[in-house]
Amino acid sequence: MSNSNLDLNELASSQAVKISIATVENTAERESRLRVEEANAAHQRRKEMLLYSVTIGVVSIVVVLCAWVILRKGLATEDGKLALALLTSIVTGLVGYATGRASK
């Protein structure tokens, strides 16, 4: 048998090896950590759903108001031109969001 000793200093200074000392997670700690992670993920999903709902609501209201102004006053007035420009911007933004392209 060869007598090869392991040099820990050489191993620790090596760039190819990462050494860490950690305690073993027991079952109760693991279950607690998983419950916290699940609660955080559920909270994040609720926040995103609320954000999307509010955004869809606001955009819907603006689209309805723009359509109302355009249909009531027509495009000849200044309000109609502004409503058409706003409506065009909303449609452009939605198409950009749907296709995943960002303006640069």
PDB file of N, CA and C in Angstrom:
ATOM      1  N   MET A   1       0.825  -1.174   0.000  1.00  0.00           N
ATOM      2  CA  MET A   1       0.000   0.000   0.000  1.00  0.00           C
ATOM      3  C   MET A   1       0.871   1.239   0.000  1.00  0.00           C
ATOM      4  N   SER A   2       0.411   2.205  -0.741  1.00  0.00           N
ATOM      5  CA  SER A   2       1.170   3.437  -0.763  1.00  0.00           C
ATOM      6  C   SER A   2       0.714   4.318   0.389  1.00  0.00           C
ATOM      7  N   ASN A   3       1.621   5.096   0.893  1.00  0.00           N
ATOM      8  CA  ASN A   3       1.348   5.979   2.025  1.00  0.00           C
ATOM      9  C   ASN A   3       1.138   7.386   1.475  1.00  0.00           C
ATOM     10  N   SER A   4      -0.093   7.683   1.064  1.00  0.00           N
ATOM     11  CA  SER A   4      -0.356   9.021   0.536  1.00  0.00           C
ATOM     12  C   SER A   4      -1.176   9.793   1.562  1.00  0.00           C
ATOM     13  N   ASN A   5      -0.596  10.884   2.001  1.00  0.00           N
ATOM     14  CA  ASN A   5      -1.284  11.755   2.955  1.00  0.00           C
ATOM     15  C   ASN A   5      -2.006  12.857   2.195  1.00  0.00           C
ATOM     16  N   LEU A   6      -3.142  13.240   2.683  1.00  0.00           N
ATOM     17  CA  LEU A   6      -3.931  14.289   2.081  1.00  0.00           C
ATOM     18  C   LEU A   6      -3.530  15.612   2.715  1.00  0.00           C
ATOM     19  N   ASP A   7      -3.056  16.534   1.889  1.00  0.00           N
ATOM     20  CA  ASP A   7      -2.646  17.848   2.377  1.00  0.00           C
ATOM     21  C   ASP A   7      -3.844  18.792   2.261  1.00  0.00           C
ATOM     22  N   LEU A   8      -4.477  19.128   3.378  1.00  0.00           N
ATOM     23  CA  LEU A   8      -5.663  19.972   3.387  1.00  0.00           C
ATOM     24  C   LEU A   8      -5.351  21.401   2.973  1.00  0.00           C
ATOM     25  N   ASN A   9      -4.161  21.896   3.293  1.00  0.00           N
ATOM     26  CA  ASN A   9      -3.792  23.250   2.879  1.00  0.00           C
ATOM     27  C   ASN A   9      -3.719  23.360   1.360  1.00  0.00           C
ATOM     28  N   GLU A  10      -3.152  22.365   0.733  1.00  0.00           N
ATOM     29  CA  GLU A  10      -3.076  22.362  -0.723  1.00  0.00           C
ATOM     30  C   GLU A  10      -4.465  22.230  -1.338  1.00  0.00           C
ATOM     31  N   LEU A  11      -5.293  21.419  -0.755  1.00  0.00           N
ATOM     32  CA  LEU A  11      -6.646  21.222  -1.247  1.00  0.00           C
ATOM     33  C   LEU A  11      -7.479  22.504  -1.103  1.00  0.00           C
ATOM     34  N   ALA A  12      -7.322  23.208   0.015  1.00  0.00           N
ATOM     35  CA  ALA A  12      -8.082  24.431   0.264  1.00  0.00           C
ATOM     36  C   ALA A  12      -7.637  25.568  -0.657  1.00  0.00           C
ATOM     37  N   SER A  13      -6.365  25.612  -1.015  1.00  0.00           N
ATOM     38  CA  SER A  13      -5.872  26.685  -1.879  1.00  0.00           C
ATOM     39  C   SER A  13      -6.091  26.395  -3.359  1.00  0.00           C
ATOM     40  N   SER A  14      -6.565  25.231  -3.689  1.00  0.00           N
ATOM     41  CA  SER A  14      -6.810  24.864  -5.077  1.00  0.00           C
ATOM     42  C   SER A  14      -8.015  25.637  -5.608  1.00  0.00           C
ATOM     43  N   GLN A  15      -7.923  26.058  -6.869  1.00  0.00           N
ATOM     44  CA  GLN A  15      -9.014  26.805  -7.499  1.00  0.00           C
ATOM     45  C   GLN A  15     -10.129  25.890  -7.979  1.00  0.00           C
ATOM     46  N   ALA A  16      -9.855  24.608  -8.149  1.00  0.00           N
ATOM     47  CA  ALA A  16     -10.826  23.686  -8.721  1.00  0.00           C
ATOM     48  C   ALA A  16     -11.749  23.073  -7.675  1.00  0.00           C
ATOM     49  N   VAL A  17     -11.454  23.290  -6.404  1.00  0.00           N
ATOM     50  CA  VAL A  17     -12.231  22.648  -5.344  1.00  0.00           C
ATOM     51  C   VAL A  17     -12.804  23.718  -4.433  1.00  0.00           C
ATOM     52  N   LYS A  18     -14.053  23.560  -4.082  1.00  0.00           N
ATOM     53  CA  LYS A  18     -14.702  24.468  -3.139  1.00  0.00           C
ATOM     54  C   LYS A  18     -15.000  23.671  -1.877  1.00  0.00           C
ATOM     55  N   ILE A  19     -14.511  24.184  -0.780  1.00  0.00           N
ATOM     56  CA  ILE A  19     -14.684  23.489   0.493  1.00  0.00           C
ATOM     57  C   ILE A  19     -15.579  24.327   1.393  1.00  0.00           C
ATOM     58  N   SER A  20     -16.547  23.668   2.017  1.00  0.00           N
ATOM     59  CA  SER A  20     -17.397  24.351   2.981  1.00  0.00           C
ATOM     60  C   SER A  20     -17.730  23.392   4.109  1.00  0.00           C
ATOM     61  N   ILE A  21     -17.950  23.970   5.264  1.00  0.00           N
ATOM     62  CA  ILE A  21     -18.328  23.181   6.430  1.00  0.00           C
ATOM     63  C   ILE A  21     -19.737  23.614   6.809  1.00  0.00           C
ATOM     64  N   ALA A  22     -20.638  22.657   6.813  1.00  0.00           N
ATOM     65  CA  ALA A  22     -22.030  22.962   7.117  1.00  0.00           C
ATOM     66  C   ALA A  22     -22.591  21.864   8.004  1.00  0.00           C
ATOM     67  N   THR A  23     -23.549  22.263   8.817  1.00  0.00           N
ATOM     68  CA  THR A  23     -24.197  21.268   9.668  1.00  0.00           C
ATOM     69  C   THR A  23     -25.282  20.570   8.869  1.00  0.00           C
ATOM     70  N   VAL A  24     -25.590  19.373   9.275  1.00  0.00           N
ATOM     71  CA  VAL A  24     -26.624  18.605   8.614  1.00  0.00           C
ATOM     72  C   VAL A  24     -27.981  19.133   9.083  1.00  0.00           C
ATOM     73  N   GLU A  25     -28.872  19.356   8.137  1.00  0.00           N
ATOM     74  CA  GLU A  25     -30.199  19.870   8.452  1.00  0.00           C
ATOM     75  C   GLU A  25     -31.072  18.711   8.938  1.00  0.00           C
ATOM     76  N   ASN A  26     -31.619  18.870  10.134  1.00  0.00           N
ATOM     77  CA  ASN A  26     -32.470  17.788  10.631  1.00  0.00           C
ATOM     78  C   ASN A  26     -33.864  17.897  10.024  1.00  0.00           C
ATOM     79  N   THR A  27     -34.710  16.924  10.291  1.00  0.00           N
ATOM     80  CA  THR A  27     -36.021  16.846   9.666  1.00  0.00           C
ATOM     81  C   THR A  27     -36.907  18.037  10.020  1.00  0.00           C
ATOM     82  N   ALA A  28     -36.907  18.465  11.266  1.00  0.00           N
ATOM     83  CA  ALA A  28     -37.753  19.584  11.686  1.00  0.00           C
ATOM     84  C   ALA A  28     -37.312  20.882  11.014  1.00  0.00           C
ATOM     85  N   GLU A  29     -36.005  21.116  10.926  1.00  0.00           N
ATOM     86  CA  GLU A  29     -35.504  22.317  10.259  1.00  0.00           C
ATOM     87  C   GLU A  29     -35.854  22.302   8.774  1.00  0.00           C
ATOM     88  N   ARG A  30     -35.732  21.143   8.153  1.00  0.00           N
ATOM     89  CA  ARG A  30     -36.043  21.009   6.730  1.00  0.00           C
ATOM     90  C   ARG A  30     -37.525  21.291   6.483  1.00  0.00           C
ATOM     91  N   GLU A  31     -38.392  20.713   7.288  1.00  0.00           N
ATOM     92  CA  GLU A  31     -39.831  20.938   7.129  1.00  0.00           C
ATOM     93  C   GLU A  31     -40.183  22.406   7.350  1.00  0.00           C
ATOM     94  N   SER A  32     -39.553  23.036   8.325  1.00  0.00           N
ATOM     95  CA  SER A  32     -39.799  24.449   8.597  1.00  0.00           C
ATOM     96  C   SER A  32     -39.338  25.308   7.426  1.00  0.00           C
ATOM     97  N   ARG A  33     -38.159  25.020   6.897  1.00  0.00           N
ATOM     98  CA  ARG A  33     -37.639  25.779   5.761  1.00  0.00           C
ATOM     99  C   ARG A  33     -38.536  25.611   4.542  1.00  0.00           C
ATOM    100  N   LEU A  34     -39.019  24.394   4.307  1.00  0.00           N
ATOM    101  CA  LEU A  34     -39.897  24.161   3.167  1.00  0.00           C
ATOM    102  C   LEU A  34     -41.232  24.882   3.322  1.00  0.00           C
ATOM    103  N   ARG A  35     -41.775  24.928   4.545  1.00  0.00           N
ATOM    104  CA  ARG A  35     -43.023  25.657   4.782  1.00  0.00           C
ATOM    105  C   ARG A  35     -42.841  27.149   4.506  1.00  0.00           C
ATOM    106  N   VAL A  36     -41.711  27.692   4.951  1.00  0.00           N
ATOM    107  CA  VAL A  36     -41.431  29.115   4.716  1.00  0.00           C
ATOM    108  C   VAL A  36     -41.283  29.387   3.222  1.00  0.00           C
ATOM    109  N   GLU A  37     -40.577  28.528   2.506  1.00  0.00           N
ATOM    110  CA  GLU A  37     -40.407  28.706   1.063  1.00  0.00           C
ATOM    111  C   GLU A  37     -41.740  28.606   0.329  1.00  0.00           C
ATOM    112  N   GLU A  38     -42.603  27.668   0.741  1.00  0.00           N
ATOM    113  CA  GLU A  38     -43.920  27.536   0.127  1.00  0.00           C
ATOM    114  C   GLU A  38     -44.773  28.773   0.392  1.00  0.00           C
ATOM    115  N   ALA A  39     -44.723  29.286   1.608  1.00  0.00           N
ATOM    116  CA  ALA A  39     -45.496  30.487   1.949  1.00  0.00           C
ATOM    117  C   ALA A  39     -44.991  31.686   1.155  1.00  0.00           C
ATOM    118  N   ASN A  40     -43.691  31.817   1.010  1.00  0.00           N
ATOM    119  CA  ASN A  40     -43.129  32.927   0.226  1.00  0.00           C
ATOM    120  C   ASN A  40     -43.535  32.825  -1.244  1.00  0.00           C
ATOM    121  N   ALA A  41     -43.518  31.607  -1.789  1.00  0.00           N
ATOM    122  CA  ALA A  41     -43.907  31.416  -3.185  1.00  0.00           C
ATOM    123  C   ALA A  41     -45.394  31.735  -3.377  1.00  0.00           C
ATOM    124  N   ALA A  42     -46.235  31.322  -2.448  1.00  0.00           N
ATOM    125  CA  ALA A  42     -47.664  31.618  -2.552  1.00  0.00           C
ATOM    126  C   ALA A  42     -47.910  33.116  -2.453  1.00  0.00           C
ATOM    127  N   HIS A  43     -47.202  33.787  -1.558  1.00  0.00           N
ATOM    128  CA  HIS A  43     -47.342  35.236  -1.412  1.00  0.00           C
ATOM    129  C   HIS A  43     -46.901  35.950  -2.687  1.00  0.00           C
ATOM    130  N   GLN A  44     -45.822  35.505  -3.294  1.00  0.00           N
ATOM    131  CA  GLN A  44     -45.332  36.105  -4.535  1.00  0.00           C
ATOM    132  C   GLN A  44     -46.357  35.926  -5.655  1.00  0.00           C
ATOM    133  N   ARG A  45     -46.990  34.736  -5.739  1.00  0.00           N
ATOM    134  CA  ARG A  45     -48.016  34.510  -6.757  1.00  0.00           C
ATOM    135  C   ARG A  45     -49.220  35.420  -6.539  1.00  0.00           C
ATOM    136  N   ARG A  46     -49.627  35.631  -5.269  1.00  0.00           N
ATOM    137  CA  ARG A  46     -50.748  36.526  -4.980  1.00  0.00           C
ATOM    138  C   ARG A  46     -50.415  37.963  -5.370  1.00  0.00           C
ATOM    139  N   LYS A  47     -49.194  38.398  -5.087  1.00  0.00           N
ATOM    140  CA  LYS A  47     -48.788  39.755  -5.462  1.00  0.00           C
ATOM    141  C   LYS A  47     -48.811  39.934  -6.974  1.00  0.00           C
ATOM    142  N   GLU A  48     -48.292  38.964  -7.710  1.00  0.00           N
ATOM    143  CA  GLU A  48     -48.280  39.056  -9.169  1.00  0.00           C
ATOM    144  C   GLU A  48     -49.689  39.054  -9.732  1.00  0.00           C
ATOM    145  N   MET A  49     -50.577  38.227  -9.171  1.00  0.00           N
ATOM    146  CA  MET A  49     -51.951  38.173  -9.648  1.00  0.00           C
ATOM    147  C   MET A  49     -52.662  39.500  -9.387  1.00  0.00           C
ATOM    148  N   LEU A  50     -52.431  40.099  -8.235  1.00  0.00           N
ATOM    149  CA  LEU A  50     -53.029  41.394  -7.914  1.00  0.00           C
ATOM    150  C   LEU A  50     -52.507  42.470  -8.868  1.00  0.00           C
ATOM    151  N   LEU A  51     -51.213  42.457  -9.135  1.00  0.00           N
ATOM    152  CA  LEU A  51     -50.621  43.430 -10.045  1.00  0.00           C
ATOM    153  C   LEU A  51     -51.197  43.297 -11.450  1.00  0.00           C
ATOM    154  N   TYR A  52     -51.300  42.063 -11.950  1.00  0.00           N
ATOM    155  CA  TYR A  52     -51.871  41.855 -13.279  1.00  0.00           C
ATOM    156  C   TYR A  52     -53.337  42.276 -13.314  1.00  0.00           C
ATOM    157  N   SER A  53     -54.093  41.968 -12.278  1.00  0.00           N
ATOM    158  CA  SER A  53     -55.507  42.327 -12.236  1.00  0.00           C
ATOM    159  C   SER A  53     -55.700  43.842 -12.248  1.00  0.00           C
ATOM    160  N   VAL A  54     -54.936  44.548 -11.441  1.00  0.00           N
ATOM    161  CA  VAL A  54     -55.035  46.006 -11.396  1.00  0.00           C
ATOM    162  C   VAL A  54     -54.624  46.608 -12.736  1.00  0.00           C
ATOM    163  N   THR A  55     -53.568  46.090 -13.323  1.00  0.00           N
ATOM    164  CA  THR A  55     -53.097  46.599 -14.616  1.00  0.00           C
ATOM    165  C   THR A  55     -54.145  46.382 -15.703  1.00  0.00           C
ATOM    166  N   ILE A  56     -54.713  45.186 -15.741  1.00  0.00           N
ATOM    167  CA  ILE A  56     -55.746  44.899 -16.745  1.00  0.00           C
ATOM    168  C   ILE A  56     -56.957  45.797 -16.527  1.00  0.00           C
ATOM    169  N   GLY A  57     -57.332  46.017 -15.271  1.00  0.00           N
ATOM    170  CA  GLY A  57     -58.463  46.893 -14.974  1.00  0.00           C
ATOM    171  C   GLY A  57     -58.225  48.319 -15.418  1.00  0.00           C
ATOM    172  N   VAL A  58     -57.063  48.867 -15.113  1.00  0.00           N
ATOM    173  CA  VAL A  58     -56.748  50.247 -15.486  1.00  0.00           C
ATOM    174  C   VAL A  58     -56.685  50.399 -17.004  1.00  0.00           C
ATOM    175  N   VAL A  59     -56.030  49.474 -17.673  1.00  0.00           N
ATOM    176  CA  VAL A  59     -55.929  49.552 -19.133  1.00  0.00           C
ATOM    177  C   VAL A  59     -57.316  49.416 -19.763  1.00  0.00           C
ATOM    178  N   SER A  60     -58.148  48.551 -19.232  1.00  0.00           N
ATOM    179  CA  SER A  60     -59.503  48.389 -19.757  1.00  0.00           C
ATOM    180  C   SER A  60     -60.312  49.677 -19.611  1.00  0.00           C
ATOM    181  N   ILE A  61     -60.220  50.309 -18.462  1.00  0.00           N
ATOM    182  CA  ILE A  61     -60.944  51.561 -18.240  1.00  0.00           C
ATOM    183  C   ILE A  61     -60.456  52.641 -19.200  1.00  0.00           C
ATOM    184  N   VAL A  62     -59.155  52.740 -19.388  1.00  0.00           N
ATOM    185  CA  VAL A  62     -58.616  53.752 -20.301  1.00  0.00           C
ATOM    186  C   VAL A  62     -59.056  53.481 -21.736  1.00  0.00           C
ATOM    187  N   VAL A  63     -59.066  52.215 -22.146  1.00  0.00           N
ATOM    188  CA  VAL A  63     -59.503  51.876 -23.507  1.00  0.00           C
ATOM    189  C   VAL A  63     -60.973  52.241 -23.693  1.00  0.00           C
ATOM    190  N   VAL A  64     -61.806  51.923 -22.716  1.00  0.00           N
ATOM    191  CA  VAL A  64     -63.230  52.255 -22.817  1.00  0.00           C
ATOM    192  C   VAL A  64     -63.421  53.767 -22.882  1.00  0.00           C
ATOM    193  N   LEU A  65     -62.711  54.513 -22.044  1.00  0.00           N
ATOM    194  CA  LEU A  65     -62.832  55.975 -22.068  1.00  0.00           C
ATOM    195  C   LEU A  65     -62.361  56.552 -23.399  1.00  0.00           C
ATOM    196  N   CYS A  66     -61.262  56.024 -23.937  1.00  0.00           N
ATOM    197  CA  CYS A  66     -60.776  56.506 -25.238  1.00  0.00           C
ATOM    198  C   CYS A  66     -61.797  56.218 -26.335  1.00  0.00           C
ATOM    199  N   ALA A  67     -62.343  54.996 -26.326  1.00  0.00           N
ATOM    200  CA  ALA A  67     -63.349  54.646 -27.334  1.00  0.00           C
ATOM    201  C   ALA A  67     -64.578  55.542 -27.194  1.00  0.00           C
ATOM    202  N   TRP A  68     -64.973  55.830 -25.974  1.00  0.00           N
ATOM    203  CA  TRP A  68     -66.138  56.693 -25.736  1.00  0.00           C
ATOM    204  C   TRP A  68     -65.893  58.108 -26.271  1.00  0.00           C
ATOM    205  N   VAL A  69     -64.701  58.641 -26.002  1.00  0.00           N
ATOM    206  CA  VAL A  69     -64.377  59.987 -26.489  1.00  0.00           C
ATOM    207  C   VAL A  69     -64.343  60.000 -28.011  1.00  0.00           C
ATOM    208  N   ILE A  70     -63.759  58.988 -28.622  1.00  0.00           N
ATOM    209  CA  ILE A  70     -63.659  58.945 -30.088  1.00  0.00           C
ATOM    210  C   ILE A  70     -65.045  58.819 -30.712  1.00  0.00           C
ATOM    211  N   LEU A  71     -65.879  57.944 -30.158  1.00  0.00           N
ATOM    212  CA  LEU A  71     -67.205  57.741 -30.732  1.00  0.00           C
ATOM    213  C   LEU A  71     -68.141  58.926 -30.468  1.00  0.00           C
ATOM    214  N   ARG A  72     -67.980  59.600 -29.350  1.00  0.00           N
ATOM    215  CA  ARG A  72     -68.873  60.700 -28.999  1.00  0.00           C
ATOM    216  C   ARG A  72     -68.514  61.975 -29.759  1.00  0.00           C
ATOM    217  N   LYS A  73     -67.230  62.310 -29.762  1.00  0.00           N
ATOM    218  CA  LYS A  73     -66.817  63.587 -30.355  1.00  0.00           C
ATOM    219  C   LYS A  73     -66.241  63.440 -31.758  1.00  0.00           C
ATOM    220  N   GLY A  74     -65.791  62.267 -32.115  1.00  0.00           N
ATOM    221  CA  GLY A  74     -65.177  62.059 -33.423  1.00  0.00           C
ATOM    222  C   GLY A  74     -63.700  62.427 -33.384  1.00  0.00           C
ATOM    223  N   LEU A  75     -63.035  62.171 -34.500  1.00  0.00           N
ATOM    224  CA  LEU A  75     -61.597  62.421 -34.571  1.00  0.00           C
ATOM    225  C   LEU A  75     -61.267  63.866 -34.935  1.00  0.00           C
ATOM    226  N   ALA A  76     -62.249  64.657 -35.245  1.00  0.00           N
ATOM    227  CA  ALA A  76     -61.989  66.036 -35.660  1.00  0.00           C
ATOM    228  C   ALA A  76     -61.572  66.912 -34.486  1.00  0.00           C
ATOM    229  N   THR A  77     -61.989  66.586 -33.277  1.00  0.00           N
ATOM    230  CA  THR A  77     -61.666  67.426 -32.127  1.00  0.00           C
ATOM    231  C   THR A  77     -60.293  67.083 -31.569  1.00  0.00           C
ATOM    232  N   GLU A  78     -59.806  67.965 -30.740  1.00  0.00           N
ATOM    233  CA  GLU A  78     -58.497  67.752 -30.098  1.00  0.00           C
ATOM    234  C   GLU A  78     -58.559  66.571 -29.129  1.00  0.00           C
ATOM    235  N   ASP A  79     -59.691  66.423 -28.422  1.00  0.00           N
ATOM    236  CA  ASP A  79     -59.845  65.287 -27.507  1.00  0.00           C
ATOM    237  C   ASP A  79     -59.828  63.964 -28.257  1.00  0.00           C
ATOM    238  N   GLY A  80     -60.442  63.934 -29.421  1.00  0.00           N
ATOM    239  CA  GLY A  80     -60.466  62.717 -30.232  1.00  0.00           C
ATOM    240  C   GLY A  80     -59.076  62.327 -30.704  1.00  0.00           C
ATOM    241  N   LYS A  81     -58.287  63.326 -31.087  1.00  0.00           N
ATOM    242  CA  LYS A  81     -56.910  63.040 -31.521  1.00  0.00           C
ATOM    243  C   LYS A  81     -56.065  62.519 -30.365  1.00  0.00           C
ATOM    244  N   LEU A  82     -56.253  63.119 -29.187  1.00  0.00           N
ATOM    245  CA  LEU A  82     -55.517  62.665 -28.009  1.00  0.00           C
ATOM    246  C   LEU A  82     -55.938  61.247 -27.612  1.00  0.00           C
ATOM    247  N   ALA A  83     -57.240  60.976 -27.675  1.00  0.00           N
ATOM    248  CA  ALA A  83     -57.732  59.637 -27.336  1.00  0.00           C
ATOM    249  C   ALA A  83     -57.206  58.603 -28.320  1.00  0.00           C
ATOM    250  N   LEU A  84     -57.162  58.949 -29.599  1.00  0.00           N
ATOM    251  CA  LEU A  84     -56.647  58.021 -30.608  1.00  0.00           C
ATOM    252  C   LEU A  84     -55.156  57.755 -30.393  1.00  0.00           C
ATOM    253  N   ALA A  85     -54.409  58.788 -30.048  1.00  0.00           N
ATOM    254  CA  ALA A  85     -52.978  58.602 -29.782  1.00  0.00           C
ATOM    255  C   ALA A  85     -52.768  57.703 -28.563  1.00  0.00           C
ATOM    256  N   LEU A  86     -53.551  57.914 -27.530  1.00  0.00           N
ATOM    257  CA  LEU A  86     -53.445  57.088 -26.321  1.00  0.00           C
ATOM    258  C   LEU A  86     -53.840  55.649 -26.615  1.00  0.00           C
ATOM    259  N   LEU A  87     -54.896  55.464 -27.376  1.00  0.00           N
ATOM    260  CA  LEU A  87     -55.342  54.122 -27.752  1.00  0.00           C
ATOM    261  C   LEU A  87     -54.289  53.411 -28.598  1.00  0.00           C
ATOM    262  N   THR A  88     -53.668  54.147 -29.504  1.00  0.00           N
ATOM    263  CA  THR A  88     -52.594  53.579 -30.320  1.00  0.00           C
ATOM    264  C   THR A  88     -51.402  53.167 -29.462  1.00  0.00           C
ATOM    265  N   SER A  89     -51.073  53.970 -28.481  1.00  0.00           N
ATOM    266  CA  SER A  89     -49.959  53.636 -27.579  1.00  0.00           C
ATOM    267  C   SER A  89     -50.262  52.375 -26.771  1.00  0.00           C
ATOM    268  N   ILE A  90     -51.489  52.245 -26.321  1.00  0.00           N
ATOM    269  CA  ILE A  90     -51.870  51.062 -25.549  1.00  0.00           C
ATOM    270  C   ILE A  90     -51.785  49.812 -26.419  1.00  0.00           C
ATOM    271  N   VAL A  91     -52.309  49.880 -27.624  1.00  0.00           N
ATOM    272  CA  VAL A  91     -52.264  48.725 -28.525  1.00  0.00           C
ATOM    273  C   VAL A  91     -50.821  48.373 -28.863  1.00  0.00           C
ATOM    274  N   THR A  92     -49.995  49.366 -29.113  1.00  0.00           N
ATOM    275  CA  THR A  92     -48.576  49.121 -29.408  1.00  0.00           C
ATOM    276  C   THR A  92     -47.876  48.460 -28.225  1.00  0.00           C
ATOM    277  N   GLY A  93     -48.162  48.943 -27.024  1.00  0.00           N
ATOM    278  CA  GLY A  93     -47.573  48.339 -25.826  1.00  0.00           C
ATOM    279  C   GLY A  93     -48.019  46.912 -25.616  1.00  0.00           C
ATOM    280  N   LEU A  94     -49.294  46.632 -25.862  1.00  0.00           N
ATOM    281  CA  LEU A  94     -49.795  45.260 -25.707  1.00  0.00           C
ATOM    282  C   LEU A  94     -49.189  44.317 -26.736  1.00  0.00           C
ATOM    283  N   VAL A  95     -49.053  44.790 -27.959  1.00  0.00           N
ATOM    284  CA  VAL A  95     -48.430  43.949 -28.990  1.00  0.00           C
ATOM    285  C   VAL A  95     -46.961  43.713 -28.645  1.00  0.00           C
ATOM    286  N   GLY A  96     -46.268  44.744 -28.180  1.00  0.00           N
ATOM    287  CA  GLY A  96     -44.880  44.569 -27.769  1.00  0.00           C
ATOM    288  C   GLY A  96     -44.729  43.618 -26.608  1.00  0.00           C
ATOM    289  N   TYR A  97     -45.656  43.690 -25.659  1.00  0.00           N
ATOM    290  CA  TYR A  97     -45.615  42.769 -24.507  1.00  0.00           C
ATOM    291  C   TYR A  97     -45.909  41.339 -24.967  1.00  0.00           C
ATOM    292  N   ALA A  98     -46.876  41.183 -25.854  1.00  0.00           N
ATOM    293  CA  ALA A  98     -47.248  39.840 -26.325  1.00  0.00           C
ATOM    294  C   ALA A  98     -46.119  39.195 -27.128  1.00  0.00           C
ATOM    295  N   THR A  99     -45.411  39.987 -27.905  1.00  0.00           N
ATOM    296  CA  THR A  99     -44.328  39.424 -28.721  1.00  0.00           C
ATOM    297  C   THR A  99     -43.001  39.379 -27.977  1.00  0.00           C
ATOM    298  N   GLY A 100     -42.928  40.058 -26.835  1.00  0.00           N
ATOM    299  CA  GLY A 100     -41.717  40.006 -26.040  1.00  0.00           C
ATOM    300  C   GLY A 100     -40.613  40.914 -26.531  1.00  0.00           C
ATOM    301  N   ARG A 101     -40.927  41.862 -27.337  1.00  0.00           N
ATOM    302  CA  ARG A 101     -39.916  42.764 -27.857  1.00  0.00           C
ATOM    303  C   ARG A 101     -39.927  44.065 -27.061  1.00  0.00           C
ATOM    304  N   ALA A 102     -38.761  44.518 -26.677  1.00  0.00           N
ATOM    305  CA  ALA A 102     -38.635  45.784 -25.960  1.00  0.00           C
ATOM    306  C   ALA A 102     -38.120  46.838 -26.918  1.00  0.00           C
ATOM    307  N   SER A 103     -38.630  48.036 -26.788  1.00  0.00           N
ATOM    308  CA  SER A 103     -38.151  49.112 -27.659  1.00  0.00           C
ATOM    309  C   SER A 103     -36.772  49.561 -27.177  1.00  0.00           C
ATOM    310  N   LYS A 104     -35.915  49.884 -28.114  1.00  0.00           N
ATOM    311  CA  LYS A 104     -34.542  50.264 -27.759  1.00  0.00           C
ATOM    312  C   LYS A 104     -34.277  51.673 -28.182  1.00  0.00           C
TER     313      LYS A 104
END
